[in-house]
Amino acid sequence: MGQSQANSGSARQELTDLVIAYEPALRRFFSRKLSDHGDVEDLVQDVFTRLARLDDLAIIENPQAFIFQIAQNLLRDRGRRGLVRQADAHEPYNEVTHSHEDFSAERVLIGRQRVQQVKQAILAMPRRTAEVFTLNRFDGLTYKEIAQTLRISVSSVEKHMMTALAALNRKVDQE
């Protein structure tokens, strides 16, 4: 057996050992953090998939801390995606409540006009205000994360958001 096969076998064994040692704890961790327990198995698998991508697991000094940091990052990413998609506001399709009339040409045109109004309002904002608004509403960052990213205070972020929302309201009310 060649050296690379031996290394591959030992890396596989190291990963197997980590799965055996931490899988139950990760399940409990995700179960406590999530209201929808259907995602627990996927998240546990994602943790170990990320570990499997590493070239050398032996360099990890504190496997427990490393594994749970990956788990925390996965939850944070999931939360951001949920905010951007507003997943909790989604309603399943139902033919009774969502008739074909919901997609009439008039409604589509009105929707497109609204999108144009919002675009114009954002483009008319001062650069920093538009940047704060898009980081929050489109990228899902919190005020604190925006403040850190842009190196401004949280109160500045709040002021920029108030300015942006007021500009959007004025633009929509004008039309």
N, C-alpha and C. Protein backbone atom coordinates (compact mmCIF):
# COMPACT_ATOMS: atom_id res chain seq x y z
N MET A 1 0.86 -1.18 0.00
CA MET A 1 0.00 0.00 0.00
C MET A 1 0.90 1.23 0.00
N GLY A 2 0.58 2.23 -0.88
CA GLY A 2 1.39 3.44 -1.01
C GLY A 2 1.16 4.39 0.15
N GLN A 3 2.04 5.40 0.25
CA GLN A 3 1.97 6.39 1.32
C GLN A 3 0.67 7.19 1.28
N SER A 4 0.22 7.58 0.06
CA SER A 4 -1.00 8.38 -0.03
C SER A 4 -2.22 7.56 0.37
N GLN A 5 -2.22 6.25 0.07
CA GLN A 5 -3.33 5.41 0.49
C GLN A 5 -3.35 5.26 2.00
N ALA A 6 -2.17 5.13 2.61
CA ALA A 6 -2.09 5.02 4.06
C ALA A 6 -2.59 6.30 4.72
N ASN A 7 -2.18 7.47 4.17
CA ASN A 7 -2.64 8.75 4.71
C ASN A 7 -4.14 8.90 4.53
N SER A 8 -4.64 8.45 3.38
CA SER A 8 -6.07 8.54 3.12
C SER A 8 -6.84 7.68 4.12
N GLY A 9 -6.32 6.48 4.38
CA GLY A 9 -6.97 5.59 5.34
C GLY A 9 -6.96 6.15 6.73
N SER A 10 -5.86 6.77 7.14
CA SER A 10 -5.80 7.34 8.50
C SER A 10 -6.70 8.57 8.60
N ALA A 11 -6.79 9.37 7.54
CA ALA A 11 -7.67 10.55 7.55
C ALA A 11 -9.12 10.09 7.64
N ARG A 12 -9.45 9.04 6.93
CA ARG A 12 -10.81 8.51 6.96
C ARG A 12 -11.14 8.00 8.36
N GLN A 13 -10.14 7.34 8.99
CA GLN A 13 -10.35 6.83 10.35
C GLN A 13 -10.51 7.99 11.34
N GLU A 14 -9.71 9.05 11.17
CA GLU A 14 -9.83 10.22 12.04
C GLU A 14 -11.22 10.84 11.92
N LEU A 15 -11.72 10.94 10.70
CA LEU A 15 -13.06 11.49 10.49
C LEU A 15 -14.12 10.57 11.11
N THR A 16 -13.98 9.28 10.92
CA THR A 16 -14.91 8.32 11.52
C THR A 16 -14.91 8.46 13.04
N ASP A 17 -13.73 8.59 13.63
CA ASP A 17 -13.63 8.75 15.08
C ASP A 17 -14.34 10.03 15.54
N LEU A 18 -14.21 11.11 14.77
CA LEU A 18 -14.87 12.36 15.12
C LEU A 18 -16.39 12.23 15.00
N VAL A 19 -16.84 11.54 13.98
CA VAL A 19 -18.28 11.33 13.80
C VAL A 19 -18.83 10.56 15.00
N ILE A 20 -18.16 9.49 15.38
CA ILE A 20 -18.61 8.67 16.51
C ILE A 20 -18.62 9.49 17.80
N ALA A 21 -17.59 10.30 17.98
CA ALA A 21 -17.46 11.06 19.23
C ALA A 21 -18.44 12.23 19.32
N TYR A 22 -18.71 12.91 18.21
CA TYR A 22 -19.44 14.18 18.29
C TYR A 22 -20.83 14.19 17.66
N GLU A 23 -21.20 13.16 16.92
CA GLU A 23 -22.50 13.18 16.26
C GLU A 23 -23.66 13.31 17.25
N PRO A 24 -23.70 12.54 18.34
CA PRO A 24 -24.82 12.71 19.29
C PRO A 24 -24.87 14.12 19.90
N ALA A 25 -23.74 14.68 20.23
CA ALA A 25 -23.70 16.02 20.82
C ALA A 25 -24.16 17.07 19.81
N LEU A 26 -23.78 16.89 18.55
CA LEU A 26 -24.23 17.83 17.51
C LEU A 26 -25.73 17.73 17.31
N ARG A 27 -26.28 16.53 17.33
CA ARG A 27 -27.73 16.37 17.21
C ARG A 27 -28.45 17.13 18.33
N ARG A 28 -27.96 16.96 19.56
CA ARG A 28 -28.57 17.67 20.70
C ARG A 28 -28.43 19.17 20.53
N PHE A 29 -27.25 19.63 20.10
CA PHE A 29 -26.99 21.05 19.91
C PHE A 29 -27.98 21.65 18.91
N PHE A 30 -28.10 21.03 17.74
CA PHE A 30 -29.00 21.54 16.72
C PHE A 30 -30.46 21.43 17.14
N SER A 31 -30.81 20.36 17.84
CA SER A 31 -32.19 20.19 18.30
C SER A 31 -32.59 21.30 19.27
N ARG A 32 -31.67 21.72 20.12
CA ARG A 32 -31.96 22.81 21.06
C ARG A 32 -32.08 24.14 20.35
N LYS A 33 -31.35 24.32 19.26
CA LYS A 33 -31.30 25.62 18.58
C LYS A 33 -32.39 25.81 17.53
N LEU A 34 -32.97 24.72 17.04
CA LEU A 34 -33.92 24.82 15.92
C LEU A 34 -35.33 24.46 16.35
N SER A 35 -36.27 25.20 15.82
CA SER A 35 -37.67 24.84 16.06
C SER A 35 -38.11 23.74 15.09
N ASP A 36 -37.51 23.70 13.91
CA ASP A 36 -37.82 22.67 12.90
C ASP A 36 -36.75 21.59 12.99
N HIS A 37 -37.06 20.49 13.66
CA HIS A 37 -36.08 19.44 13.88
C HIS A 37 -35.80 18.62 12.62
N GLY A 38 -36.53 18.89 11.56
CA GLY A 38 -36.31 18.18 10.30
C GLY A 38 -34.96 18.49 9.67
N ASP A 39 -34.36 19.61 10.05
CA ASP A 39 -33.08 20.01 9.47
C ASP A 39 -31.88 19.53 10.28
N VAL A 40 -32.11 18.93 11.42
CA VAL A 40 -31.02 18.53 12.32
C VAL A 40 -30.05 17.59 11.62
N GLU A 41 -30.56 16.54 10.99
CA GLU A 41 -29.69 15.55 10.34
C GLU A 41 -28.86 16.19 9.23
N ASP A 42 -29.49 17.07 8.44
CA ASP A 42 -28.77 17.74 7.36
C ASP A 42 -27.63 18.60 7.91
N LEU A 43 -27.90 19.31 8.98
CA LEU A 43 -26.87 20.18 9.56
C LEU A 43 -25.73 19.36 10.15
N VAL A 44 -26.04 18.26 10.81
CA VAL A 44 -25.00 17.38 11.35
C VAL A 44 -24.13 16.87 10.20
N GLN A 45 -24.78 16.46 9.12
CA GLN A 45 -24.03 15.97 7.96
C GLN A 45 -23.18 17.09 7.37
N ASP A 46 -23.70 18.31 7.32
CA ASP A 46 -22.94 19.44 6.79
C ASP A 46 -21.67 19.70 7.60
N VAL A 47 -21.76 19.54 8.92
CA VAL A 47 -20.58 19.73 9.77
C VAL A 47 -19.50 18.75 9.35
N PHE A 48 -19.87 17.48 9.23
CA PHE A 48 -18.87 16.46 8.90
C PHE A 48 -18.41 16.55 7.44
N THR A 49 -19.26 17.06 6.58
CA THR A 49 -18.84 17.28 5.19
C THR A 49 -17.75 18.35 5.15
N ARG A 50 -17.94 19.41 5.93
CA ARG A 50 -16.91 20.46 5.98
C ARG A 50 -15.61 19.92 6.57
N LEU A 51 -15.73 19.08 7.56
CA LEU A 51 -14.52 18.47 8.14
C LEU A 51 -13.82 17.58 7.11
N ALA A 52 -14.59 16.83 6.34
CA ALA A 52 -14.02 15.91 5.36
C ALA A 52 -13.25 16.66 4.27
N ARG A 53 -13.59 17.92 4.05
CA ARG A 53 -12.90 18.71 3.01
C ARG A 53 -11.51 19.16 3.45
N LEU A 54 -11.23 19.09 4.74
CA LEU A 54 -9.93 19.52 5.24
C LEU A 54 -8.86 18.53 4.82
N ASP A 55 -7.68 19.05 4.52
CA ASP A 55 -6.58 18.19 4.08
C ASP A 55 -6.05 17.31 5.22
N ASP A 56 -5.95 17.89 6.42
CA ASP A 56 -5.33 17.16 7.53
C ASP A 56 -6.07 17.46 8.82
N LEU A 57 -6.83 16.51 9.29
CA LEU A 57 -7.59 16.69 10.53
C LEU A 57 -6.70 16.69 11.76
N ALA A 58 -5.50 16.12 11.62
CA ALA A 58 -4.59 16.02 12.76
C ALA A 58 -4.11 17.39 13.24
N ILE A 59 -4.20 18.41 12.39
CA ILE A 59 -3.71 19.73 12.80
C ILE A 59 -4.70 20.48 13.69
N ILE A 60 -5.92 19.96 13.83
CA ILE A 60 -6.93 20.60 14.67
C ILE A 60 -6.55 20.36 16.12
N GLU A 61 -6.25 21.45 16.83
CA GLU A 61 -5.80 21.33 18.22
C GLU A 61 -6.94 20.97 19.16
N ASN A 62 -8.11 21.56 18.94
CA ASN A 62 -9.25 21.32 19.83
C ASN A 62 -10.44 20.93 18.95
N PRO A 63 -10.58 19.64 18.67
CA PRO A 63 -11.65 19.20 17.75
C PRO A 63 -13.04 19.63 18.19
N GLN A 64 -13.32 19.54 19.49
CA GLN A 64 -14.66 19.90 19.96
C GLN A 64 -14.97 21.35 19.66
N ALA A 65 -14.05 22.25 19.99
CA ALA A 65 -14.28 23.68 19.72
C ALA A 65 -14.41 23.92 18.22
N PHE A 66 -13.58 23.26 17.43
CA PHE A 66 -13.61 23.44 15.99
C PHE A 66 -14.94 22.96 15.41
N ILE A 67 -15.38 21.78 15.83
CA ILE A 67 -16.63 21.21 15.32
C ILE A 67 -17.82 22.10 15.69
N PHE A 68 -17.86 22.57 16.93
CA PHE A 68 -19.01 23.37 17.34
C PHE A 68 -18.94 24.79 16.77
N GLN A 69 -17.76 25.26 16.40
CA GLN A 69 -17.67 26.53 15.69
C GLN A 69 -18.25 26.38 14.28
N ILE A 70 -17.95 25.26 13.63
CA ILE A 70 -18.56 24.97 12.32
C ILE A 70 -20.08 24.93 12.47
N ALA A 71 -20.56 24.25 13.51
CA ALA A 71 -22.01 24.13 13.73
C ALA A 71 -22.63 25.51 13.94
N GLN A 72 -21.98 26.34 14.74
CA GLN A 72 -22.49 27.69 14.98
C GLN A 72 -22.51 28.50 13.69
N ASN A 73 -21.47 28.37 12.87
CA ASN A 73 -21.42 29.08 11.60
C ASN A 73 -22.55 28.62 10.66
N LEU A 74 -22.82 27.32 10.66
CA LEU A 74 -23.92 26.81 9.84
C LEU A 74 -25.25 27.40 10.28
N LEU A 75 -25.47 27.49 11.59
CA LEU A 75 -26.71 28.10 12.09
C LEU A 75 -26.80 29.57 11.71
N ARG A 76 -25.68 30.27 11.81
CA ARG A 76 -25.66 31.70 11.46
C ARG A 76 -25.97 31.88 9.97
N ASP A 77 -25.35 31.06 9.12
CA ASP A 77 -25.61 31.13 7.68
C ASP A 77 -27.07 30.81 7.38
N ARG A 78 -27.60 29.81 8.06
CA ARG A 78 -29.00 29.42 7.88
C ARG A 78 -29.92 30.56 8.29
N GLY A 79 -29.60 31.21 9.40
CA GLY A 79 -30.40 32.34 9.86
C GLY A 79 -30.39 33.50 8.88
N ARG A 80 -29.22 33.79 8.34
CA ARG A 80 -29.12 34.87 7.35
C ARG A 80 -29.93 34.56 6.11
N ARG A 81 -29.81 33.33 5.63
CA ARG A 81 -30.59 32.95 4.45
C ARG A 81 -32.08 33.05 4.73
N GLY A 82 -32.47 32.65 5.93
CA GLY A 82 -33.88 32.74 6.31
C GLY A 82 -34.37 34.17 6.35
N LEU A 83 -33.52 35.09 6.83
CA LEU A 83 -33.91 36.49 6.87
C LEU A 83 -34.05 37.07 5.48
N VAL A 84 -33.09 36.76 4.63
CA VAL A 84 -33.12 37.30 3.27
C VAL A 84 -34.34 36.77 2.53
N ARG A 85 -34.62 35.50 2.71
CA ARG A 85 -35.76 34.90 2.03
C ARG A 85 -37.07 35.12 2.78
N GLN A 86 -36.97 35.61 4.01
CA GLN A 86 -38.12 35.76 4.89
C GLN A 86 -38.92 34.46 4.91
N ALA A 87 -38.19 33.39 5.20
CA ALA A 87 -38.76 32.04 5.15
C ALA A 87 -39.98 31.88 6.05
N ASP A 88 -39.98 32.54 7.20
CA ASP A 88 -41.12 32.37 8.10
C ASP A 88 -42.37 33.09 7.59
N ALA A 89 -42.23 33.95 6.58
CA ALA A 89 -43.37 34.66 6.03
C ALA A 89 -43.95 33.95 4.80
N HIS A 90 -43.32 32.87 4.39
CA HIS A 90 -43.80 32.15 3.21
C HIS A 90 -45.08 31.39 3.52
N GLU A 91 -45.91 31.35 2.55
CA GLU A 91 -47.18 30.63 2.67
C GLU A 91 -47.22 29.59 1.57
N PRO A 92 -47.55 28.35 1.90
CA PRO A 92 -47.60 27.32 0.87
C PRO A 92 -48.66 27.64 -0.18
N TYR A 93 -48.40 27.21 -1.40
CA TYR A 93 -49.34 27.45 -2.50
C TYR A 93 -50.62 26.67 -2.26
N ASN A 94 -51.73 27.35 -2.46
CA ASN A 94 -53.05 26.74 -2.31
C ASN A 94 -53.90 27.32 -3.43
N GLU A 95 -54.47 26.46 -4.27
CA GLU A 95 -55.23 26.94 -5.44
C GLU A 95 -56.44 27.78 -5.05
N VAL A 96 -56.99 27.53 -3.88
CA VAL A 96 -58.16 28.30 -3.46
C VAL A 96 -57.77 29.73 -3.12
N THR A 97 -56.69 29.88 -2.33
CA THR A 97 -56.29 31.23 -1.92
C THR A 97 -55.39 31.92 -2.94
N HIS A 98 -54.77 31.16 -3.82
CA HIS A 98 -53.88 31.74 -4.83
C HIS A 98 -54.44 31.46 -6.22
N SER A 99 -55.41 32.19 -6.57
CA SER A 99 -56.02 31.95 -7.88
C SER A 99 -55.14 32.51 -8.98
N HIS A 100 -55.44 32.13 -10.21
CA HIS A 100 -54.69 32.63 -11.36
C HIS A 100 -54.83 34.14 -11.50
N GLU A 101 -55.86 34.71 -10.91
CA GLU A 101 -56.08 36.15 -11.00
C GLU A 101 -54.99 36.93 -10.27
N ASP A 102 -54.30 36.25 -9.31
CA ASP A 102 -53.21 36.92 -8.59
C ASP A 102 -52.09 37.34 -9.54
N PHE A 103 -52.03 36.70 -10.70
CA PHE A 103 -50.95 36.97 -11.63
C PHE A 103 -51.46 37.65 -12.90
N SER A 104 -52.44 38.48 -12.76
CA SER A 104 -52.98 39.17 -13.92
C SER A 104 -51.91 40.12 -14.47
N ALA A 105 -52.07 40.49 -15.72
CA ALA A 105 -51.12 41.40 -16.36
C ALA A 105 -51.05 42.72 -15.60
N GLU A 106 -52.18 43.17 -15.10
CA GLU A 106 -52.21 44.43 -14.35
C GLU A 106 -51.38 44.33 -13.07
N ARG A 107 -51.53 43.23 -12.34
CA ARG A 107 -50.77 43.05 -11.09
C ARG A 107 -49.28 42.95 -11.38
N VAL A 108 -48.93 42.25 -12.44
CA VAL A 108 -47.52 42.12 -12.82
C VAL A 108 -46.95 43.49 -13.15
N LEU A 109 -47.69 44.29 -13.91
CA LEU A 109 -47.25 45.63 -14.27
C LEU A 109 -47.09 46.51 -13.03
N ILE A 110 -48.05 46.43 -12.12
CA ILE A 110 -47.96 47.22 -10.88
C ILE A 110 -46.73 46.78 -10.07
N GLY A 111 -46.49 45.48 -10.01
CA GLY A 111 -45.31 44.98 -9.30
C GLY A 111 -44.02 45.49 -9.91
N ARG A 112 -43.94 45.47 -11.23
CA ARG A 112 -42.73 45.96 -11.91
C ARG A 112 -42.54 47.46 -11.66
N GLN A 113 -43.63 48.19 -11.66
CA GLN A 113 -43.54 49.63 -11.38
C GLN A 113 -43.04 49.87 -9.96
N ARG A 114 -43.51 49.08 -9.02
CA ARG A 114 -43.05 49.21 -7.63
C ARG A 114 -41.55 48.92 -7.52
N VAL A 115 -41.11 47.89 -8.21
CA VAL A 115 -39.68 47.55 -8.19
C VAL A 115 -38.87 48.73 -8.76
N GLN A 116 -39.34 49.33 -9.84
CA GLN A 116 -38.66 50.50 -10.42
C GLN A 116 -38.63 51.66 -9.43
N GLN A 117 -39.73 51.88 -8.73
CA GLN A 117 -39.78 52.96 -7.73
C GLN A 117 -38.74 52.72 -6.64
N VAL A 118 -38.67 51.50 -6.16
CA VAL A 118 -37.70 51.18 -5.11
C VAL A 118 -36.28 51.36 -5.62
N LYS A 119 -36.01 50.88 -6.84
CA LYS A 119 -34.67 51.05 -7.43
C LYS A 119 -34.30 52.53 -7.52
N GLN A 120 -35.23 53.34 -8.04
CA GLN A 120 -34.97 54.77 -8.18
C GLN A 120 -34.74 55.42 -6.82
N ALA A 121 -35.51 55.02 -5.84
CA ALA A 121 -35.34 55.60 -4.50
C ALA A 121 -33.97 55.23 -3.93
N ILE A 122 -33.55 54.00 -4.12
CA ILE A 122 -32.24 53.57 -3.62
C ILE A 122 -31.12 54.32 -4.34
N LEU A 123 -31.25 54.45 -5.66
CA LEU A 123 -30.22 55.17 -6.42
C LEU A 123 -30.15 56.65 -6.06
N ALA A 124 -31.27 57.22 -5.60
CA ALA A 124 -31.29 58.63 -5.23
C ALA A 124 -30.74 58.87 -3.81
N MET A 125 -30.58 57.81 -3.04
CA MET A 125 -30.08 57.95 -1.66
C MET A 125 -28.60 58.28 -1.66
N PRO A 126 -28.12 58.94 -0.60
CA PRO A 126 -26.67 59.09 -0.44
C PRO A 126 -26.03 57.69 -0.43
N ARG A 127 -24.81 57.60 -0.92
CA ARG A 127 -24.12 56.32 -1.10
C ARG A 127 -24.13 55.48 0.18
N ARG A 128 -23.77 56.07 1.30
CA ARG A 128 -23.67 55.32 2.55
C ARG A 128 -25.05 54.83 3.00
N THR A 129 -26.06 55.65 2.84
CA THR A 129 -27.42 55.27 3.22
C THR A 129 -27.90 54.09 2.38
N ALA A 130 -27.65 54.15 1.08
CA ALA A 130 -28.03 53.04 0.19
C ALA A 130 -27.27 51.78 0.55
N GLU A 131 -26.00 51.93 0.90
CA GLU A 131 -25.18 50.79 1.26
C GLU A 131 -25.70 50.12 2.54
N VAL A 132 -26.02 50.92 3.54
CA VAL A 132 -26.57 50.40 4.79
C VAL A 132 -27.89 49.68 4.52
N PHE A 133 -28.75 50.30 3.73
CA PHE A 133 -30.06 49.72 3.42
C PHE A 133 -29.90 48.37 2.72
N THR A 134 -29.07 48.30 1.69
CA THR A 134 -28.94 47.06 0.93
C THR A 134 -28.27 45.97 1.76
N LEU A 135 -27.30 46.33 2.61
CA LEU A 135 -26.68 45.33 3.47
C LEU A 135 -27.70 44.71 4.43
N ASN A 136 -28.61 45.53 4.91
CA ASN A 136 -29.63 45.03 5.83
C ASN A 136 -30.73 44.28 5.11
N ARG A 137 -31.34 44.91 4.13
CA ARG A 137 -32.55 44.33 3.52
C ARG A 137 -32.27 43.26 2.48
N PHE A 138 -31.15 43.35 1.78
CA PHE A 138 -30.88 42.37 0.73
C PHE A 138 -29.86 41.33 1.15
N ASP A 139 -28.89 41.72 2.00
CA ASP A 139 -27.87 40.76 2.43
C ASP A 139 -28.18 40.17 3.79
N GLY A 140 -29.15 40.74 4.50
CA GLY A 140 -29.58 40.16 5.77
C GLY A 140 -28.67 40.43 6.95
N LEU A 141 -27.77 41.41 6.85
CA LEU A 141 -26.89 41.72 7.97
C LEU A 141 -27.64 42.48 9.05
N THR A 142 -27.25 42.25 10.29
CA THR A 142 -27.82 42.99 11.41
C THR A 142 -27.19 44.37 11.46
N TYR A 143 -27.80 45.25 12.24
CA TYR A 143 -27.23 46.59 12.39
C TYR A 143 -25.80 46.51 12.93
N LYS A 144 -25.59 45.64 13.89
CA LYS A 144 -24.25 45.49 14.48
C LYS A 144 -23.24 45.01 13.43
N GLU A 145 -23.64 44.04 12.61
CA GLU A 145 -22.74 43.53 11.57
C GLU A 145 -22.44 44.62 10.53
N ILE A 146 -23.44 45.41 10.20
CA ILE A 146 -23.23 46.51 9.24
C ILE A 146 -22.26 47.52 9.83
N ALA A 147 -22.45 47.86 11.09
CA ALA A 147 -21.57 48.82 11.76
C ALA A 147 -20.13 48.32 11.73
N GLN A 148 -19.92 47.05 12.01
CA GLN A 148 -18.57 46.49 11.98
C GLN A 148 -18.00 46.50 10.57
N THR A 149 -18.83 46.12 9.60
CA THR A 149 -18.38 46.06 8.21
C THR A 149 -17.98 47.44 7.68
N LEU A 150 -18.80 48.44 7.98
CA LEU A 150 -18.57 49.78 7.45
C LEU A 150 -17.75 50.66 8.39
N ARG A 151 -17.42 50.11 9.55
CA ARG A 151 -16.65 50.85 10.57
C ARG A 151 -17.35 52.15 10.98
N ILE A 152 -18.65 52.00 11.28
CA ILE A 152 -19.42 53.12 11.79
C ILE A 152 -20.17 52.63 13.03
N SER A 153 -20.78 53.53 13.76
CA SER A 153 -21.50 53.14 14.97
C SER A 153 -22.86 52.54 14.62
N VAL A 154 -23.40 51.80 15.56
CA VAL A 154 -24.72 51.21 15.38
C VAL A 154 -25.76 52.33 15.25
N SER A 155 -25.59 53.41 16.02
CA SER A 155 -26.56 54.51 15.93
C SER A 155 -26.50 55.16 14.54
N SER A 156 -25.33 55.20 13.92
CA SER A 156 -25.24 55.72 12.54
C SER A 156 -25.99 54.80 11.58
N VAL A 157 -25.86 53.51 11.80
CA VAL A 157 -26.59 52.55 10.96
C VAL A 157 -28.09 52.80 11.12
N GLU A 158 -28.55 52.97 12.36
CA GLU A 158 -29.97 53.22 12.61
C GLU A 158 -30.43 54.50 11.90
N LYS A 159 -29.62 55.55 11.96
CA LYS A 159 -29.99 56.81 11.30
C LYS A 159 -30.06 56.65 9.78
N HIS A 160 -29.09 55.94 9.23
CA HIS A 160 -29.11 55.68 7.78
C HIS A 160 -30.35 54.87 7.39
N MET A 161 -30.71 53.89 8.20
CA MET A 161 -31.90 53.08 7.90
C MET A 161 -33.17 53.92 7.98
N MET A 162 -33.26 54.79 8.98
CA MET A 162 -34.44 55.66 9.07
C MET A 162 -34.53 56.57 7.86
N THR A 163 -33.39 57.10 7.43
CA THR A 163 -33.35 57.96 6.24
C THR A 163 -33.78 57.17 5.01
N ALA A 164 -33.26 55.96 4.87
CA ALA A 164 -33.58 55.13 3.71
C ALA A 164 -35.06 54.77 3.67
N LEU A 165 -35.60 54.37 4.81
CA LEU A 165 -37.01 53.98 4.85
C LEU A 165 -37.92 55.18 4.59
N ALA A 166 -37.54 56.34 5.10
CA ALA A 166 -38.34 57.54 4.85
C ALA A 166 -38.31 57.88 3.36
N ALA A 167 -37.14 57.76 2.72
CA ALA A 167 -37.02 58.04 1.29
C ALA A 167 -37.87 57.06 0.48
N LEU A 168 -37.85 55.80 0.86
CA LEU A 168 -38.66 54.81 0.15
C LEU A 168 -40.15 55.11 0.31
N ASN A 169 -40.55 55.43 1.52
CA ASN A 169 -41.97 55.76 1.76
C ASN A 169 -42.41 56.98 0.94
N ARG A 170 -41.55 57.99 0.91
CA ARG A 170 -41.88 59.19 0.12
C ARG A 170 -42.02 58.84 -1.34
N LYS A 171 -41.10 58.06 -1.87
CA LYS A 171 -41.11 57.68 -3.29
C LYS A 171 -42.37 56.90 -3.63
N VAL A 172 -42.73 55.94 -2.81
CA VAL A 172 -43.91 55.12 -3.07
C VAL A 172 -45.17 55.95 -2.92
N ASP A 173 -45.22 56.86 -1.93
CA ASP A 173 -46.40 57.71 -1.74
C ASP A 173 -46.58 58.69 -2.90
N GLN A 174 -45.49 59.14 -3.51
CA GLN A 174 -45.57 60.09 -4.63
C GLN A 174 -46.23 59.48 -5.84
N GLU A 175 -45.97 58.24 -6.05
CA GLU A 175 -46.42 57.56 -7.29
C GLU A 175 -47.85 57.11 -7.20
